[in-house]
C-alpha atoms as a PDB file:
ATOM      1  CA  MET A   1       8.022  10.130   5.865  1.00  0.00           C
ATOM      2  CA  THR A   2       9.101   6.968   7.646  1.00  0.00           C
ATOM      3  CA  THR A   3       6.252   4.545   8.332  1.00  0.00           C
ATOM      4  CA  VAL A   4       6.645   2.312  11.381  1.00  0.00           C
ATOM      5  CA  GLU A   5       4.299  -0.299  12.823  1.00  0.00           C
ATOM      6  CA  ILE A   6       3.921  -1.311  16.458  1.00  0.00           C
ATOM      7  CA  LEU A   7       1.991  -4.438  17.379  1.00  0.00           C
ATOM      8  CA  PHE A   8       0.520  -4.599  20.898  1.00  0.00           C
ATOM      9  CA  ARG A   9      -0.984  -7.634  22.605  1.00  0.00           C
ATOM     10  CA  TYR A  10      -3.859  -6.862  24.956  1.00  0.00           C
ATOM     11  CA  SER A  11      -5.921  -8.778  27.494  1.00  0.00           C
ATOM     12  CA  GLY A  12      -9.667  -9.032  27.673  1.00  0.00           C
ATOM     13  CA  HIS A  13     -12.070  -7.548  25.178  1.00  0.00           C
ATOM     14  CA  PRO A  14     -11.890  -3.825  24.391  1.00  0.00           C
ATOM     15  CA  THR A  15     -14.854  -1.940  25.783  1.00  0.00           C
ATOM     16  CA  GLU A  16     -16.854   0.424  23.617  1.00  0.00           C
ATOM     17  CA  THR A  17     -15.127   3.381  25.286  1.00  0.00           C
ATOM     18  CA  GLU A  18     -11.646   1.936  24.631  1.00  0.00           C
ATOM     19  CA  ALA A  19     -12.483   1.141  21.005  1.00  0.00           C
ATOM     20  CA  PHE A  20     -13.915   4.636  20.484  1.00  0.00           C
ATOM     21  CA  SER A  21     -10.841   6.217  22.084  1.00  0.00           C
ATOM     22  CA  LEU A  22      -8.509   4.211  19.835  1.00  0.00           C
ATOM     23  CA  ALA A  23     -10.574   5.072  16.768  1.00  0.00           C
ATOM     24  CA  ASN A  24     -10.082   8.737  17.644  1.00  0.00           C
ATOM     25  CA  ALA A  25      -6.329   8.133  17.958  1.00  0.00           C
ATOM     26  CA  SER A  26      -6.170   7.999  14.175  1.00  0.00           C
ATOM     27  CA  GLU A  27      -6.999  11.721  14.272  1.00  0.00           C
ATOM     28  CA  VAL A  28      -3.645  12.407  15.979  1.00  0.00           C
ATOM     29  CA  TYR A  29      -1.208  13.935  13.524  1.00  0.00           C
ATOM     30  CA  GLY A  30       1.279  11.194  12.602  1.00  0.00           C
ATOM     31  CA  ILE A  31      -0.968   8.189  13.312  1.00  0.00           C
ATOM     32  CA  ARG A  32      -1.688   6.601   9.964  1.00  0.00           C
ATOM     33  CA  ARG A  33      -3.751   3.531  10.898  1.00  0.00           C
ATOM     34  CA  VAL A  34      -5.092   1.696  13.946  1.00  0.00           C
ATOM     35  CA  SER A  35      -6.476  -1.822  13.510  1.00  0.00           C
ATOM     36  CA  PHE A  36      -7.649  -4.601  15.825  1.00  0.00           C
ATOM     37  CA  ASP A  37      -7.257  -8.330  15.346  1.00  0.00           C
ATOM     38  CA  ARG A  38      -9.731  -9.580  17.934  1.00  0.00           C
ATOM     39  CA  ALA A  39      -8.960 -13.254  17.242  1.00  0.00           C
ATOM     40  CA  ALA A  40      -5.258 -12.743  18.068  1.00  0.00           C
ATOM     41  CA  SER A  41      -5.920 -10.038  20.725  1.00  0.00           C
ATOM     42  CA  THR A  42      -3.570  -7.629  18.988  1.00  0.00           C
ATOM     43  CA  LEU A  43      -3.668  -3.980  18.036  1.00  0.00           C
ATOM     44  CA  LEU A  44      -1.562  -2.714  15.143  1.00  0.00           C
ATOM     45  CA  VAL A  45      -0.664   0.976  15.055  1.00  0.00           C
ATOM     46  CA  GLU A  46       1.023   2.405  11.971  1.00  0.00           C
ATOM     47  CA  TYR A  47       2.589   5.831  12.447  1.00  0.00           C
ATOM     48  CA  ASP A  48       4.943   8.342  10.873  1.00  0.00           C
ATOM     49  CA  ALA A  49       8.261   8.148  12.750  1.00  0.00           C
ATOM     50  CA  THR A  50       9.223  11.646  11.589  1.00  0.00           C
ATOM     51  CA  ARG A  51       6.267  12.977  13.637  1.00  0.00           C
ATOM     52  CA  LEU A  52       5.997  10.562  16.591  1.00  0.00           C
ATOM     53  CA  ASN A  53       8.138   8.055  18.449  1.00  0.00           C
ATOM     54  CA  ALA A  54       7.292   4.627  19.878  1.00  0.00           C
ATOM     55  CA  ALA A  55       7.009   5.922  23.467  1.00  0.00           C
ATOM     56  CA  THR A  56       4.428   8.523  22.442  1.00  0.00           C
ATOM     57  CA  VAL A  57       2.382   5.966  20.493  1.00  0.00           C
ATOM     58  CA  THR A  58       2.489   3.533  23.432  1.00  0.00           C
ATOM     59  CA  GLN A  59       1.362   6.282  25.816  1.00  0.00           C
ATOM     60  CA  LEU A  60      -1.494   7.182  23.472  1.00  0.00           C
ATOM     61  CA  VAL A  61      -2.676   3.553  23.413  1.00  0.00           C
ATOM     62  CA  ARG A  62      -2.394   3.221  27.204  1.00  0.00           C
ATOM     63  CA  ARG A  63      -4.468   6.389  27.691  1.00  0.00           C
ATOM     64  CA  SER A  64      -7.336   4.688  25.874  1.00  0.00           C
ATOM     65  CA  GLY A  65      -7.627   2.317  28.829  1.00  0.00           C
ATOM     66  CA  LEU A  66      -6.807  -0.810  26.844  1.00  0.00           C
ATOM     67  CA  GLN A  67      -4.992  -3.347  29.045  1.00  0.00           C
ATOM     68  CA  LEU A  68      -1.727  -3.953  27.214  1.00  0.00           C
ATOM     69  CA  ILE A  69       0.258  -7.110  27.876  1.00  0.00           C
ATOM     70  CA  GLU A  70       3.281  -6.471  25.685  1.00  0.00           C
ATOM     71  CA  GLU A  71       4.629  -4.871  22.571  1.00  0.00           C
ATOM     72  CA  ALA A  72       5.144  -7.678  20.094  1.00  0.00           C
ATOM     73  CA  PRO A  73       7.257  -7.680  16.970  1.00  0.00           C
ATOM     74  CA  PRO A  74       5.036  -7.531  13.891  1.00  0.00           C
ATOM     75  CA  SER A  75       4.898 -10.754  11.954  1.00  0.00           C
ATOM     76  CA  VAL A  76       7.113 -10.768   8.922  1.00  0.00           C
ATOM     77  CA  PRO A  77       5.760 -12.565   5.891  1.00  0.00           C
ATOM     78  CA  GLU A  78       7.773 -15.630   5.069  1.00  0.00           C
ATOM     79  CA  LEU A  79       9.792 -15.336   1.903  1.00  0.00           C
ATOM     80  CA  PRO A  80       9.889 -18.240  -0.517  1.00  0.00           C
ATOM     81  CA  PRO A  81      13.021 -20.359  -0.202  1.00  0.00           C
ATOM     82  CA  VAL A  82      15.918 -19.391  -2.408  1.00  0.00           C
ATOM     83  CA  PRO A  83      16.814 -22.155  -4.842  1.00  0.00           C
ATOM     84  CA  PRO A  84      20.343 -23.490  -4.399  1.00  0.00           C
ATOM     85  CA  VAL A  85      22.955 -22.190  -6.780  1.00  0.00           C
ATOM     86  CA  VAL A  86      24.314 -24.958  -8.958  1.00  0.00           C
ATOM     87  CA  GLU A  87      27.663 -24.169 -10.421  1.00  0.00           C
ATOM     88  CA  PRO A  88      28.366 -25.653 -13.835  1.00  0.00           C
ATOM     89  CA  SER A  89      30.825 -28.471 -13.702  1.00  0.00           C
ATOM     90  CA  VAL A  90      33.994 -27.923 -15.667  1.00  0.00           C
ATOM     91  CA  ALA A  91      35.454 -30.899 -17.446  1.00  0.00           C
ATOM     92  CA  PRO A  92      39.193 -31.346 -16.922  1.00  0.00           C
ATOM     93  CA  ALA A  93      41.217 -29.959 -19.769  1.00  0.00           C
ATOM     94  CA  ALA A  94      42.606 -32.552 -22.145  1.00  0.00           C
ATOM     95  CA  THR A  95      46.361 -32.700 -22.083  1.00  0.00           C
ATOM     96  CA  ALA A  96      48.103 -32.628 -25.422  1.00  0.00           C
ATOM     97  CA  LYS A  97      50.686 -35.347 -26.038  1.00  0.00           C
ATOM     98  CA  ALA A  98      53.632 -34.499 -28.164  1.00  0.00           C
END
């Protein structure tokens, strides 16, 4: 199983019918999760890429009636900065005097 997420931006507020239709989308074989972020006006759909493709998922969301603006890349959590690598300093070798 290959889990993929698609993040959609939408306009307006989802109606009760649209929200109900999208809730039922999770019953489609291969859809793992559907979640709204109303503050950001985004819809996140997690699906199994071995069962569905992005075009099919997009079509399923559009059929709900939700007014999509765009497909947005999901936000990637920021990783902590990597500390710089400090190489040990090597003292010059002492020359032997004969």
